[in-house]
Protein backbone atom coordinates (compact mmCIF):
# COMPACT_ATOMS: atom_id res chain seq x y z
CA MET A 1 109.27 112.28 45.11
CA PRO A 2 107.88 115.71 46.08
CA THR A 3 107.46 116.60 49.71
CA LEU A 4 104.12 117.65 51.13
CA GLY A 5 104.99 121.33 50.91
CA MET A 6 106.13 121.09 47.29
CA ARG A 7 103.11 119.06 46.20
CA ALA A 8 100.74 121.59 47.72
CA LYS A 9 102.42 124.40 45.77
CA SER A 10 101.98 122.60 42.45
CA GLU A 11 98.26 122.01 42.98
CA ILE A 12 95.70 124.65 42.07
CA GLN A 13 93.65 125.75 45.03
CA ARG A 14 90.06 126.88 45.15
CA PRO A 15 89.45 130.41 46.34
CA VAL A 16 88.48 130.50 49.98
CA SER A 17 85.05 131.86 50.78
CA ASN A 18 84.56 134.26 53.65
CA ILE A 19 81.98 131.86 55.06
CA PHE A 20 84.61 129.11 55.33
CA ILE A 21 87.02 131.43 57.14
CA VAL A 22 84.35 132.65 59.58
CA LEU A 23 83.09 129.12 60.16
CA SER A 24 86.59 127.82 60.91
CA VAL A 25 87.20 130.64 63.42
CA PHE A 26 83.79 130.01 65.01
CA VAL A 27 84.52 126.29 65.40
CA ALA A 28 87.89 127.16 66.94
CA LEU A 29 86.16 129.49 69.42
CA LEU A 30 83.78 126.66 70.33
CA LEU A 31 86.71 124.28 70.86
CA ASN A 32 88.42 126.85 73.11
CA GLY A 33 85.20 127.11 75.12
CA LEU A 34 85.00 123.41 75.95
CA PRO A 35 85.16 122.69 79.70
CA TRP A 36 88.77 121.58 80.09
CA GLU A 37 89.89 120.51 83.57
CA GLY A 38 93.02 119.48 85.40
CA VAL A 39 96.03 118.50 83.34
CA TRP A 40 93.97 118.79 80.15
CA LEU A 41 93.52 122.49 80.84
CA VAL A 42 97.31 122.91 80.87
CA LEU A 43 97.71 120.81 77.70
CA ARG A 44 94.86 122.52 75.83
CA PRO A 45 96.01 124.12 72.59
CA ASP A 46 94.74 127.55 71.65
CA PHE A 47 92.63 126.51 68.68
CA VAL A 48 91.75 130.09 67.78
CA ALA A 49 95.41 131.12 67.68
CA VAL A 50 96.32 128.26 65.35
CA VAL A 51 93.37 128.92 63.01
CA MET A 52 94.01 132.68 62.96
CA LEU A 53 97.69 132.10 62.27
CA TYR A 54 96.82 129.77 59.40
CA TRP A 55 94.55 132.35 57.79
CA CYS A 56 96.98 135.23 58.42
CA THR A 57 99.74 133.31 56.65
CA HIS A 58 97.62 132.00 53.77
CA LYS A 59 95.23 134.92 53.21
CA PRO A 60 96.97 137.98 54.71
CA LEU A 61 94.94 140.48 52.68
CA ARG A 62 91.66 139.11 54.02
CA VAL A 63 92.60 138.02 57.53
CA GLY A 64 95.09 140.25 59.24
CA ILE A 65 95.86 142.23 62.33
CA GLY A 66 92.49 143.99 62.59
CA LEU A 67 90.46 140.80 62.35
CA SER A 68 92.83 139.10 64.79
CA TRP A 69 92.19 141.89 67.28
CA ALA A 70 88.40 141.63 66.81
CA VAL A 71 88.48 137.86 67.30
CA GLY A 72 90.64 138.43 70.38
CA VAL A 73 88.08 140.80 71.88
CA PHE A 74 85.36 138.24 71.17
CA ALA A 75 87.51 135.53 72.78
CA ASP A 76 87.98 137.74 75.85
CA VAL A 77 84.23 138.12 76.22
CA ALA A 78 83.56 134.43 75.55
CA ASP A 79 86.28 133.30 77.98
CA ALA A 80 85.39 135.90 80.65
CA SER A 81 89.11 136.64 80.97
CA LEU A 82 90.82 139.96 81.45
CA PHE A 83 89.48 142.24 78.72
CA GLY A 84 92.16 142.75 76.09
CA GLN A 85 94.36 139.79 76.97
CA HIS A 86 93.42 137.68 73.96
CA ALA A 87 93.12 140.80 71.80
CA LEU A 88 96.74 141.72 72.54
CA ALA A 89 97.98 138.18 72.00
CA TYR A 90 96.05 137.65 68.76
CA THR A 91 97.19 141.05 67.45
CA LEU A 92 100.82 139.99 67.94
CA LEU A 93 99.97 136.66 66.32
CA GLY A 94 98.32 138.38 63.34
CA PHE A 95 101.29 140.70 62.93
CA GLY A 96 103.70 137.76 62.94
CA GLY A 97 101.56 135.81 60.49
CA VAL A 98 101.14 138.69 58.04
CA MET A 99 104.78 139.73 58.19
CA LEU A 100 106.12 136.20 57.74
CA HIS A 101 103.52 134.78 55.32
CA ARG A 102 105.90 134.69 52.33
CA ARG A 103 108.66 133.14 54.40
CA LEU A 104 106.38 130.45 55.83
CA GLN A 105 105.07 129.46 52.42
CA MET A 106 108.62 128.83 51.17
CA PHE A 107 109.16 126.08 53.74
CA ASP A 108 107.80 122.58 53.87
CA LEU A 109 105.43 121.65 56.68
CA ARG A 110 108.15 120.47 59.08
CA GLN A 111 110.10 123.70 58.71
CA GLN A 112 106.90 125.75 58.96
CA THR A 113 106.18 124.14 62.30
CA THR A 114 109.45 125.41 63.78
CA GLN A 115 108.68 128.93 62.53
CA VAL A 116 105.13 128.73 63.87
CA PHE A 117 106.51 127.76 67.28
CA GLY A 118 108.25 131.14 67.49
CA ILE A 119 105.11 133.08 66.61
CA LEU A 120 102.99 131.06 69.06
CA ALA A 121 105.65 131.48 71.77
CA LEU A 122 105.30 135.26 71.36
CA THR A 123 101.54 134.90 71.73
CA TYR A 124 101.84 132.78 74.85
CA ALA A 125 104.44 135.18 76.26
CA ALA A 126 101.82 137.93 75.97
CA TYR A 127 99.39 135.78 77.99
CA ALA A 128 102.06 135.11 80.62
CA LEU A 129 103.12 138.77 80.87
CA VAL A 130 99.53 139.95 81.31
CA HIS A 131 99.03 137.34 84.03
CA TRP A 132 102.30 138.41 85.66
CA GLN A 133 101.20 142.06 85.68
CA MET A 134 97.86 141.17 87.22
CA SER A 135 98.92 138.62 89.84
CA GLY A 136 102.60 139.29 90.39
CA SER A 137 103.64 135.72 89.55
CA MET A 138 104.75 134.14 86.31
CA VAL A 139 102.81 131.10 85.15
CA TRP A 140 105.15 128.91 83.12
CA SER A 141 102.45 126.34 82.39
CA TYR A 142 101.13 128.66 79.65
CA PHE A 143 104.04 127.54 77.50
CA ILE A 144 102.96 123.88 77.56
CA GLY A 145 99.90 125.00 75.63
CA CYS A 146 102.29 126.61 73.16
CA LEU A 147 103.83 123.21 72.43
CA THR A 148 100.46 121.53 71.90
CA SER A 149 99.30 124.42 69.70
CA THR A 150 102.44 124.01 67.60
CA LEU A 151 101.76 120.29 67.26
CA LEU A 152 98.27 121.16 66.00
CA TRP A 153 99.73 123.25 63.13
CA ALA A 154 100.59 120.33 60.82
CA PRO A 155 97.23 118.48 60.98
CA LEU A 156 95.30 121.74 60.65
CA SER A 157 97.37 122.85 57.65
CA VAL A 158 96.99 119.51 55.90
CA THR A 159 93.24 119.47 56.55
CA PHE A 160 92.66 123.03 55.32
CA GLN A 161 94.90 122.49 52.28
CA ALA A 162 93.03 119.30 51.39
CA MET A 163 89.71 121.15 51.62
CA ARG A 164 91.03 123.83 49.26
CA GLN A 165 92.55 121.56 46.57
CA ARG A 166 91.00 121.66 43.15
CA ARG A 167 91.22 118.30 41.49
CA ALA A 168 92.66 118.14 37.97
CA ASP A 169 90.14 117.58 35.20
CA ARG A 170 90.35 114.09 33.75
CA GLU A 171 89.99 114.24 30.00
């Protein structure tokens, strides 16, 4: 019985349109902009980071470091945060995704999730270091969002893969 990762490799996938990529990033930006409060703000995953990492690992020639930086600048403006904070974090994320895209595709979804945790931890470390430089204190609660973002990787991957599957012709 093939695992989820092996079954996805044997299926033929539709080419991804640029509109689908842009729309998925836009929806992720909208989800990041929702008014989260209290404990939910600490638990909130970074939807944009997970979506950008997915596209950097699955379409590294179309979505890479430059687009990750541009989306990060847009996220900085939309979030009214320190200008360049998201741009720096998403650039590191894009670099990790592009550099490790072959490695990630070799693993099944469970093993991918552990690899993704490392890339997202680097992204959240950039957030924490920028905050530390600005305020003089380290905020460890950033890393709780790293865990929830990692948990979002598997459902997002399965959903995007299902949307890209081309069904076999029945003759």
